[in-house]
Every structure is written in structure tokens, then in C-alpha cells.
């Protein structure tokens, strides 16, 4: 329609067609849109035809018109047209070329159908991707569960039987192993040194997940390889560190593990131990209730395994008496925080040992776990937990 056409002429034009909107032009220049409903309301009102039929259509155009260009991305067009207010949401859209010349009018419902079609395509695409992810997740979950089974199968179920020659003293062992994930970075292993001595290796690999679990498996193999020097804790850790660095040298990111290796010798009534950046074990003397931290002198301490190539680890010694309990642990048991961000810590761990000193070994370990969990704000462990307890039992 021309801008000077009367509302009567426009009304007749609408009557011949099913259009809801028509372009209003002044020669070659687009000036706006007119709407069937609006013109019908103006002319259909009381005295409307008599008063407004000769009025030019330029005075009855829509106040706002959405104009889009052929070079606009479809996503931008749909975003523009679908973000309009409810009053004008279903108004038709004027299409112009890159130079601004009018090409025609796009039916608004065509855009709605187009958007719905694209949404359906995207939904289908997302559903297909979700099915692929679910399948991959199932495969990954299966692999992780298999890795967990393998890792758990590598944990010793019981200590090799050792005793002194006179059968007056022997060792009993219990452990507790709680993984924060499917697989764990905590690990322990036993080495039978002789008929009267056994070695216990415990480690905590940095991080969690498959990488950490891989390193625990590697460390188990290295400890087994060092069986011939298993009677000397410092030498064993020194050699394990050297081999670990040699194996992990090609990797880009650092991998390290804190570790502690202890040899309990019931014939000599002593324990020998070495430390690689790991928490010190606790020695509970059941007879007196005393709890002693098995600290190493500064000169014998070494860094975590896998950090320093030429690190040397020294061996320390302490006595072992009947009814003594040695508790080796990883920091997951002590680094537990309550709602006030207060750590369970070594103090509470020591107190839990004293509280349960008259309990059987399994009850003692369970009491330590419960005490730590009860301290936690979430009543659970955020890190892997490994406890290994040795008890010198009169034979």
C-alpha cells in the first residue's frame, strides 16, 4: 500500500486477501506496516467509517516495526524477533537486503515454526550426544570398577606369620582402607623379611583417581623388587625413590608419594623405620596407655618419593614390647575438619588410641575411624584413608 492510500482502500484490500499485515511505502521507500485488526477496529467503531475512512494509512501504521537484513545470522534474527514484548510478538517482520531495499514481509509464525524446528534438531542432537556420553561413562565406570578390584586385590589380606624363636612373642595385624573415590592413592604392602621380622610399607600418592592408583601399583612392584634390602628401611626408600624418578622422568607433570617403611622384628624386640615426607606412626603401649610418635631425627628424614633424585633416607630404631601396638596411617584420618574448620589432628588421633587401648585390635581401629568421622562436618572422609596396625602379642 502507498502511504497516501485511504483506510477505506486498505480495508478493501485486506478483505480480498488473508494477510494480517501489509507494507506501507512512499514510492520506493518503506515507511511501516499496517495491520488488518487495527484498521478494522478504527473503521468498525461507532462513526468510525464516517470519520476515518478518508484518513491516509500513514496515520494508522504500527508504532514499531521489526526489520531484519538478509546478511544477519539466523540466530540473531530469531533472538531479535522472539525477544519482542507480548503485544508485538506475532507481528510480521520486514526483510530488506544489505543495501536496505525492501524485499518483502516474513510471516511471524514462519519464524516461530523455524525456531521450533531448530530447537527440535538441537534437542535431538543433544539427546544423541547424551546417549554417547552415557555409553562412554558406562565404559569408563566399568574400567574404574575393574581398576578398583585390581587395586583391592593387591592389598595384603593378612600379615605373614612371624614370631621369635621361643614362641613368646608374635605379630598380629589389622587394617582399614577407605577410598574417597572409586580408586585410591593410598596403599600399603607387607614384606616378610625373616621368620621373626616383617616390613610394612605405606604410602600416599598425590591427588586421586587413576593416575594415583597407577603410581601405587608401580610402588608395590618397586618395593617387591627391593625385598633383598627390606631389612634396612632407609636403604629401601632410597632405592625406591631412585627407581621411581627414573620411571617417571618422561612425564610432564610431577608425581610424588609420601611413604613410611617400618620393620618389626620380634626376635630382637625392636622396630626399624624410615620416613619419606609421611606422617609419623604412633606407638601405643597398652600396658601403660602411653602413646609415642615414632619421629625420625632430622638427619635421617627425606622428602617425598619422586621429588629429589639423590635423596638419602636414614634408618631409625625403637624398642618393641609385648602388647605394643604400632599404627601407621595416611593423612586422610587426621586432616578431617568440623563445622568450625577445626582439624581432627594428631591430638585427637592420640586420644582415640588411648580411649581404645583395652579393645581388641579390630575394635581399636574401628574406634579411630568412628572418632574421625564423628569429628567431620559431613560425617565422611574427603580424602583416602589407610590404617595399618601391628600388635606384638605374647605367644
Protein backbone atom coordinates (compact mmCIF):
# COMPACT_ATOMS: atom_id res chain seq x y z
CA UNK A 1 0.00 0.00 0.00
CA UNK A 2 1.02 3.59 -0.64
CA UNK A 3 1.25 5.81 2.42
CA UNK A 4 -1.39 8.14 0.95
CA UNK A 5 -3.98 5.39 0.35
CA UNK A 6 -7.11 5.79 2.46
CA UNK A 7 -8.10 3.43 5.22
CA UNK A 8 -11.16 2.53 3.17
CA UNK A 9 -8.97 1.38 0.27
CA UNK A 10 -6.68 -0.50 2.62
CA UNK A 11 -9.67 -2.17 4.30
CA UNK A 12 -10.97 -3.35 0.92
CA UNK A 13 -7.53 -4.70 0.03
CA UNK A 14 -7.40 -6.68 3.27
CA UNK A 15 -10.90 -8.02 2.55
CA UNK A 16 -9.68 -9.60 -0.68
CA UNK A 17 -6.78 -11.43 0.98
CA UNK A 18 -5.90 -13.31 4.16
CA UNK A 19 -2.98 -11.04 5.02
CA UNK A 20 -2.73 -9.74 8.58
CA UNK A 21 -0.10 -7.10 7.73
CA UNK A 22 0.88 -5.11 4.63
CA UNK A 23 3.85 -2.91 3.74
CA UNK A 24 3.27 0.83 3.58
CA UNK A 25 5.51 2.55 1.02
CA UNK A 26 6.22 6.05 -0.15
CA UNK A 27 7.41 5.37 -3.64
CA UNK A 28 10.46 3.08 -3.22
CA UNK A 29 10.87 3.95 0.47
CA UNK A 30 9.45 1.70 3.17
CA UNK A 31 7.74 3.63 5.96
CA UNK A 32 5.99 0.98 8.08
CA UNK A 33 3.39 -1.75 8.46
CA UNK A 34 -0.37 -1.58 8.68
CA UNK A 35 -2.43 -4.23 10.45
CA UNK A 36 -5.80 -5.69 9.42
CA UNK A 37 -7.06 -5.82 13.02
CA UNK A 38 -6.12 -2.23 13.87
CA UNK A 39 -7.73 -0.76 10.73
CA UNK A 40 -10.82 -2.90 11.21
CA UNK A 41 -11.18 -1.61 14.77
CA UNK A 42 -10.81 2.02 13.68
CA UNK A 43 -13.39 1.76 10.88
CA UNK A 44 -15.70 -0.54 12.81
CA UNK A 45 -16.10 1.75 15.78
CA UNK A 46 -19.21 3.91 16.12
CA UNK A 47 -18.98 6.62 13.46
CA UNK A 48 -15.53 5.19 12.64
CA UNK A 49 -16.11 4.71 8.93
CA UNK A 50 -17.60 8.16 8.53
CA UNK A 51 -14.78 9.82 10.48
CA UNK A 52 -11.70 7.86 9.37
CA UNK A 53 -12.38 6.20 6.01
CA UNK A 54 -10.64 9.03 4.12
CA UNK A 55 -7.68 9.11 6.56
CA UNK A 56 -4.36 8.14 4.89
CA UNK A 57 -2.91 4.84 6.03
CA UNK A 58 0.37 6.51 7.10
CA UNK A 59 -1.55 7.78 10.16
CA UNK A 60 -2.66 4.28 11.21
CA UNK A 61 0.58 2.30 10.94
CA UNK A 62 2.03 0.19 13.71
CA UNK A 63 4.18 2.25 16.11
CA UNK A 64 7.09 -0.20 15.88
CA UNK A 65 8.22 -2.49 13.09
CA UNK A 66 10.91 -5.15 13.22
CA UNK A 67 13.29 -5.00 10.27
CA UNK A 68 15.84 -7.70 9.51
CA UNK A 69 18.53 -7.92 6.84
CA UNK A 70 19.41 -10.81 4.60
CA UNK A 71 23.02 -10.80 5.87
CA UNK A 72 22.04 -11.18 9.55
CA UNK A 73 22.78 -14.60 11.12
CA UNK A 74 19.66 -16.68 11.67
CA UNK A 75 20.43 -16.99 15.38
CA UNK A 76 20.46 -13.20 15.67
CA UNK A 77 17.19 -12.90 13.74
CA UNK A 78 15.43 -15.44 15.96
CA UNK A 79 16.83 -13.85 19.10
CA UNK A 80 15.59 -10.42 17.96
CA UNK A 81 12.10 -11.47 16.89
CA UNK A 82 11.44 -13.79 19.82
CA UNK A 83 12.52 -11.25 22.43
CA UNK A 84 9.82 -8.77 21.45
CA UNK A 85 7.11 -7.90 24.02
CA UNK A 86 3.91 -9.95 24.03
CA UNK A 87 1.96 -7.17 22.32
CA UNK A 88 4.12 -7.32 19.19
CA UNK A 89 5.49 -10.86 19.44
CA UNK A 90 3.46 -12.12 16.48
CA UNK A 91 3.81 -9.04 14.29
CA UNK A 92 5.22 -9.79 10.86
CA UNK A 93 8.82 -8.88 10.07
CA UNK A 94 10.10 -6.75 7.20
CA UNK A 95 13.00 -8.17 5.21
CA UNK A 96 15.48 -5.86 3.49
CA UNK A 97 18.67 -6.57 1.58
CA UNK A 98 22.17 -5.45 2.54
CA UNK A 99 21.55 -2.06 0.92
CA UNK A 100 18.24 -1.56 2.77
CA UNK A 101 15.92 -2.20 -0.18
CA UNK A 102 12.66 -3.87 0.86
CA UNK A 103 12.30 -7.47 -0.30
CA UNK A 104 9.04 -8.34 1.44
CA UNK A 105 7.37 -9.40 4.66
CA UNK A 106 8.05 -12.59 6.59
CA UNK A 107 5.12 -14.17 8.34
CA UNK A 108 5.98 -14.17 12.08
CA UNK A 109 4.61 -17.67 12.56
CA UNK A 110 7.06 -18.87 9.91
CA UNK A 111 9.86 -17.72 12.18
CA UNK A 112 8.26 -19.44 15.17
CA UNK A 113 7.97 -22.69 13.23
CA UNK A 114 11.57 -22.30 12.07
CA UNK A 115 12.74 -21.77 15.64
CA UNK A 116 10.77 -24.79 16.84
CA UNK A 117 12.30 -26.89 14.08
CA UNK A 118 15.81 -25.78 15.03
CA UNK A 119 15.08 -26.47 18.69
CA UNK A 120 13.90 -29.95 17.83
CA UNK A 121 17.09 -30.54 15.85
CA UNK A 122 19.23 -29.29 18.73
CA UNK A 123 17.31 -31.38 21.23
CA UNK A 124 17.78 -34.45 19.07
CA UNK A 125 21.46 -33.64 18.68
CA UNK A 126 21.86 -33.20 22.45
CA UNK A 127 20.00 -36.43 23.12
CA UNK A 128 22.29 -38.28 20.72
CA UNK A 129 25.36 -36.78 22.40
CA UNK A 130 23.95 -37.63 25.81
CA UNK A 131 23.49 -41.24 24.75
CA UNK A 132 27.10 -41.29 23.52
CA UNK A 133 28.30 -39.78 26.81
CA UNK A 134 26.24 -42.26 28.82
CA UNK A 135 27.77 -45.12 26.87
CA UNK A 136 31.29 -43.76 27.38
CA UNK A 137 30.57 -43.12 31.06
CA UNK A 138 29.37 -46.69 31.44
CA UNK A 139 32.56 -47.94 29.82
CA UNK A 140 34.67 -45.66 32.00
CA UNK A 141 32.77 -46.72 35.11
CA UNK A 142 33.36 -50.33 34.19
CA UNK A 143 37.08 -49.64 33.71
CA UNK A 144 37.27 -47.82 37.04
CA UNK A 145 35.47 -50.63 38.85
CA UNK A 146 37.89 -53.11 37.32
CA UNK A 147 40.80 -50.90 38.41
CA UNK A 148 39.34 -50.81 41.92
CA UNK A 149 39.02 -54.60 42.01
CA UNK A 150 42.62 -54.97 40.85
CA UNK A 151 43.85 -52.42 43.39
CA UNK A 152 41.98 -54.07 46.25
CA UNK A 153 43.27 -57.47 45.17
CA UNK A 154 46.83 -56.15 45.55
CA UNK A 155 46.24 -55.25 49.20
CA UNK A 156 47.51 -57.95 51.57
CA UNK A 157 44.71 -59.71 53.40
CA UNK A 158 46.86 -60.83 56.31
CA UNK A 159 50.37 -60.48 57.58
CA UNK A 160 52.87 -63.31 57.11
CA UNK A 161 53.19 -65.18 60.40
CA UNK A 162 56.32 -64.16 62.27
CA UNK A 163 57.43 -64.92 65.85
CA UNK A 164 60.53 -65.13 67.96
CA UNK A 165 62.27 -68.46 68.20
CA UNK A 166 60.90 -69.19 71.66
CA UNK A 167 57.28 -68.57 70.56
CA UNK A 168 56.97 -65.94 73.31
CA UNK A 169 56.08 -63.07 71.00
CA UNK A 170 54.35 -62.88 67.64
CA UNK A 171 52.74 -60.21 65.48
CA UNK A 172 49.07 -59.63 64.75
CA UNK A 173 47.86 -57.21 62.09
CA UNK A 174 44.64 -55.37 61.16
CA UNK A 175 43.99 -52.70 58.56
CA UNK A 176 41.24 -50.33 57.45
CA UNK A 177 41.09 -48.95 53.92
CA UNK A 178 38.57 -46.26 52.91
CA UNK A 179 38.74 -44.82 49.40
CA UNK A 180 37.34 -41.35 48.74
CA UNK A 181 36.82 -42.31 45.09
CA UNK A 182 36.49 -45.46 43.04
CA UNK A 183 40.26 -45.95 43.15
CA UNK A 184 42.68 -44.69 45.77
CA UNK A 185 46.08 -43.06 46.06
CA UNK A 186 46.70 -44.70 49.44
CA UNK A 187 48.35 -48.09 49.62
CA UNK A 188 50.20 -50.49 51.92
CA UNK A 189 52.21 -53.65 51.46
CA UNK A 190 53.89 -56.31 53.62
CA UNK A 191 57.31 -57.87 53.08
CA UNK A 192 58.31 -60.93 55.05
CA UNK A 193 61.93 -60.31 55.95
CA UNK A 194 62.59 -63.43 58.03
CA UNK A 195 60.79 -65.84 60.33
CA UNK A 196 60.86 -63.16 63.04
CA UNK A 197 60.61 -59.89 61.05
CA UNK A 198 58.15 -58.28 58.69
CA UNK A 199 58.28 -54.99 56.76
CA UNK A 200 55.28 -52.69 56.32
CA UNK A 201 55.29 -50.11 53.53
CA UNK A 202 52.56 -47.42 53.50
CA UNK A 203 52.24 -44.58 51.00
CA UNK A 204 50.00 -41.70 49.97
CA UNK A 205 50.28 -40.67 46.31
CA UNK A 206 49.47 -37.07 45.42
CA UNK A 207 45.98 -36.49 44.07
CA UNK A 208 43.22 -39.01 43.45
CA UNK A 209 41.91 -41.21 40.69
CA UNK A 210 43.52 -43.41 38.08
CA UNK A 211 46.89 -41.60 37.94
CA UNK A 212 47.37 -42.03 41.68
CA UNK A 213 46.23 -45.65 41.57
CA UNK A 214 48.73 -46.32 38.78
CA UNK A 215 51.57 -44.97 40.93
CA UNK A 216 50.51 -47.13 43.89
CA UNK A 217 50.73 -50.22 41.65
CA UNK A 218 54.16 -49.11 40.46
CA UNK A 219 55.37 -48.57 44.04
CA UNK A 220 54.18 -52.02 45.08
CA UNK A 221 56.25 -53.52 42.30
CA UNK A 222 59.29 -51.45 43.26
CA UNK A 223 59.02 -52.43 46.93
CA UNK A 224 58.85 -56.09 45.93
CA UNK A 225 61.97 -55.61 43.80
CA UNK A 226 63.80 -54.19 46.84
CA UNK A 227 63.00 -57.22 49.01
CA UNK A 228 66.71 -58.05 49.39
CA UNK A 229 67.30 -54.75 51.24
CA UNK A 230 63.97 -54.93 53.05
CA UNK A 231 65.71 -55.26 56.41
CA UNK A 232 67.13 -51.73 56.05
CA UNK A 233 64.25 -49.20 55.78
CA UNK A 234 66.45 -46.25 54.83
CA UNK A 235 68.14 -48.15 52.01
CA UNK A 236 64.83 -49.47 50.70
CA UNK A 237 63.29 -45.96 50.48
CA UNK A 238 66.47 -44.59 48.87
CA UNK A 239 66.39 -47.20 46.12
CA UNK A 240 62.63 -46.91 45.57
CA UNK A 241 62.98 -43.13 45.16
CA UNK A 242 65.77 -43.55 42.58
CA UNK A 243 63.79 -46.08 40.54
CA UNK A 244 60.57 -44.06 40.77
CA UNK A 245 62.29 -40.95 39.39
CA UNK A 246 63.82 -43.00 36.59
CA UNK A 247 60.43 -44.39 35.56
CA UNK A 248 58.53 -41.09 35.82
CA UNK A 249 61.23 -38.93 34.20
CA UNK A 250 59.43 -38.67 30.79
CA UNK A 251 56.21 -37.37 32.35
CA UNK A 252 55.45 -33.64 32.10
CA UNK A 253 53.68 -33.24 35.44
CA UNK A 254 55.29 -34.17 38.76
CA UNK A 255 54.08 -37.26 40.59
CA UNK A 256 55.19 -37.94 44.12
CA UNK A 257 54.21 -40.01 47.14
CA UNK A 258 54.80 -39.70 50.84
CA UNK A 259 55.85 -43.04 52.31
CA UNK A 260 56.91 -44.76 55.51
CA UNK A 261 58.60 -48.12 55.78
CA UNK A 262 58.84 -49.98 59.09
CA UNK A 263 60.35 -53.34 60.01
CA UNK A 264 59.05 -55.08 63.12
CA UNK A 265 61.46 -57.70 64.49
CA UNK A 266 60.03 -59.74 67.38
CA UNK A 267 63.23 -61.73 67.92
CA UNK A 268 65.26 -58.57 68.52
CA UNK A 269 62.33 -56.79 70.21
CA UNK A 270 62.79 -53.74 68.02
CA UNK A 271 61.30 -51.74 65.18
CA UNK A 272 63.36 -50.04 62.46
CA UNK A 273 61.86 -47.36 60.26
CA UNK A 274 62.46 -44.64 57.67
CA UNK A 275 60.38 -41.71 56.54
CA UNK A 276 59.77 -40.04 53.16
CA UNK A 277 57.65 -37.00 53.96
CA UNK A 278 54.95 -39.15 55.58
CA UNK A 279 53.11 -38.69 58.91
CA UNK A 280 54.91 -40.38 61.81
CA UNK A 281 53.29 -43.62 63.05
CA UNK A 282 52.10 -43.86 66.64
CA UNK A 283 53.26 -46.48 69.14
CA UNK A 284 50.67 -47.39 71.77
CA UNK A 285 51.95 -49.18 74.87
CA UNK A 286 48.83 -50.92 76.06
CA UNK A 287 50.34 -51.70 79.44
CA UNK A 288 50.69 -48.02 80.41
CA UNK A 289 48.42 -46.22 77.92
CA UNK A 290 51.36 -44.17 76.69
CA UNK A 291 51.32 -43.10 73.03
CA UNK A 292 54.67 -42.30 71.38
CA UNK A 293 55.18 -40.67 67.99
CA UNK A 294 57.82 -42.56 66.01
CA UNK A 295 59.63 -39.47 64.85
CA UNK A 296 62.83 -39.63 62.85
CA UNK A 297 65.79 -37.35 63.63
CA UNK A 298 66.16 -34.52 61.12
CA UNK A 299 69.35 -36.04 59.74
CA UNK A 300 67.51 -39.21 58.70
CA UNK A 301 64.36 -37.64 57.22
CA UNK A 302 63.92 -37.49 53.48
CA UNK A 303 61.48 -35.79 51.06
CA UNK A 304 58.51 -37.48 49.48
CA UNK A 305 59.38 -40.13 46.92
CA UNK A 306 59.72 -38.88 43.37
CA UNK A 307 60.89 -35.33 44.15
CA UNK A 308 64.68 -35.34 44.71
CA UNK A 309 66.87 -37.64 42.63
CA UNK A 310 69.77 -38.16 45.07
CA UNK A 311 67.73 -38.11 48.28
CA UNK A 312 69.06 -40.33 51.07
CA UNK A 313 66.89 -41.82 53.80
CA UNK A 314 68.28 -42.94 57.16
CA UNK A 315 67.09 -45.76 59.40
CA UNK A 316 65.82 -45.17 62.95
CA UNK A 317 65.21 -47.68 65.75
CA UNK A 318 62.92 -48.14 68.75
CA UNK A 319 62.08 -50.94 71.16
CA UNK A 320 59.11 -53.27 70.72
CA UNK A 321 57.48 -54.73 73.82
CA UNK A 322 54.70 -57.21 74.42
CA UNK A 323 51.22 -55.65 73.92
CA UNK A 324 52.67 -52.73 71.93
CA UNK A 325 50.57 -51.51 69.00
CA UNK A 326 52.12 -49.63 66.08
CA UNK A 327 49.66 -47.60 64.00
CA UNK A 328 50.73 -46.47 60.53
CA UNK A 329 48.30 -44.13 58.77
CA UNK A 330 47.80 -41.69 55.92
CA UNK A 331 46.78 -38.07 56.50
CA UNK A 332 43.18 -38.68 55.44
CA UNK A 333 42.43 -39.83 59.01
CA UNK A 334 43.81 -36.71 60.70
CA UNK A 335 43.04 -33.99 58.15
CA UNK A 336 39.30 -34.01 58.85
CA UNK A 337 37.55 -30.76 59.75
CA UNK A 338 34.45 -29.97 61.78
CA UNK A 339 31.87 -27.26 61.06
CA UNK A 340 34.18 -24.67 62.66
CA UNK A 341 37.09 -25.72 60.42
CA UNK A 342 38.92 -27.31 63.36
CA UNK A 343 41.12 -30.23 62.37
CA UNK A 344 40.85 -33.68 63.95
CA UNK A 345 44.62 -33.70 64.06
CA UNK A 346 47.26 -35.77 65.79
CA UNK A 347 45.96 -34.85 69.25
CA UNK A 348 42.53 -36.38 68.71
CA UNK A 349 44.07 -39.38 66.97
CA UNK A 350 46.28 -39.97 70.00
CA UNK A 351 43.28 -39.58 72.30
CA UNK A 352 41.30 -42.14 70.25
CA UNK A 353 44.14 -44.66 70.67
CA UNK A 354 44.25 -44.10 74.42
CA UNK A 355 40.48 -44.46 74.67
CA UNK A 356 40.52 -47.81 72.88
CA UNK A 357 43.74 -49.20 74.31
CA UNK A 358 41.95 -52.08 76.06
CA UNK A 359 39.95 -53.06 72.98
CA UNK A 360 40.93 -55.86 70.59
CA UNK A 361 42.95 -54.64 67.62
CA UNK A 362 39.99 -54.55 65.21
CA UNK A 363 37.88 -52.67 67.76
CA UNK A 364 40.72 -50.22 68.31
CA UNK A 365 40.91 -49.41 64.58
CA UNK A 366 37.15 -49.08 64.25
CA UNK A 367 37.14 -46.68 67.18
CA UNK A 368 39.75 -44.50 65.48
CA UNK A 369 37.70 -44.40 62.26
CA UNK A 370 34.47 -43.54 64.10
CA UNK A 371 36.15 -40.81 66.14
CA UNK A 372 37.49 -39.15 63.00
CA UNK A 373 34.19 -39.47 61.11
CA UNK A 374 32.22 -38.05 64.03
CA UNK A 375 34.56 -35.05 64.05
CA UNK A 376 33.87 -34.36 60.36
CA UNK A 377 31.25 -31.76 59.49
CA UNK A 378 29.96 -34.14 56.79
CA UNK A 379 30.46 -37.33 58.83
CA UNK A 380 32.53 -38.68 55.97
CA UNK A 381 36.09 -38.63 54.63
CA UNK A 382 37.07 -36.22 51.86
CA UNK A 383 40.43 -37.95 51.36
CA UNK A 384 41.56 -41.55 51.13
CA UNK A 385 42.18 -43.22 54.49
CA UNK A 386 44.54 -46.09 55.19
CA UNK A 387 45.25 -47.50 58.65
CA UNK A 388 47.62 -50.39 59.34
CA UNK A 389 48.10 -51.62 62.92
CA UNK A 390 50.66 -54.14 64.19
CA UNK A 391 50.42 -55.65 67.63
CA UNK A 392 53.09 -57.60 69.49
CA UNK A 393 51.16 -60.43 71.12
CA UNK A 394 52.57 -62.81 73.76
CA UNK A 395 52.85 -66.20 72.07
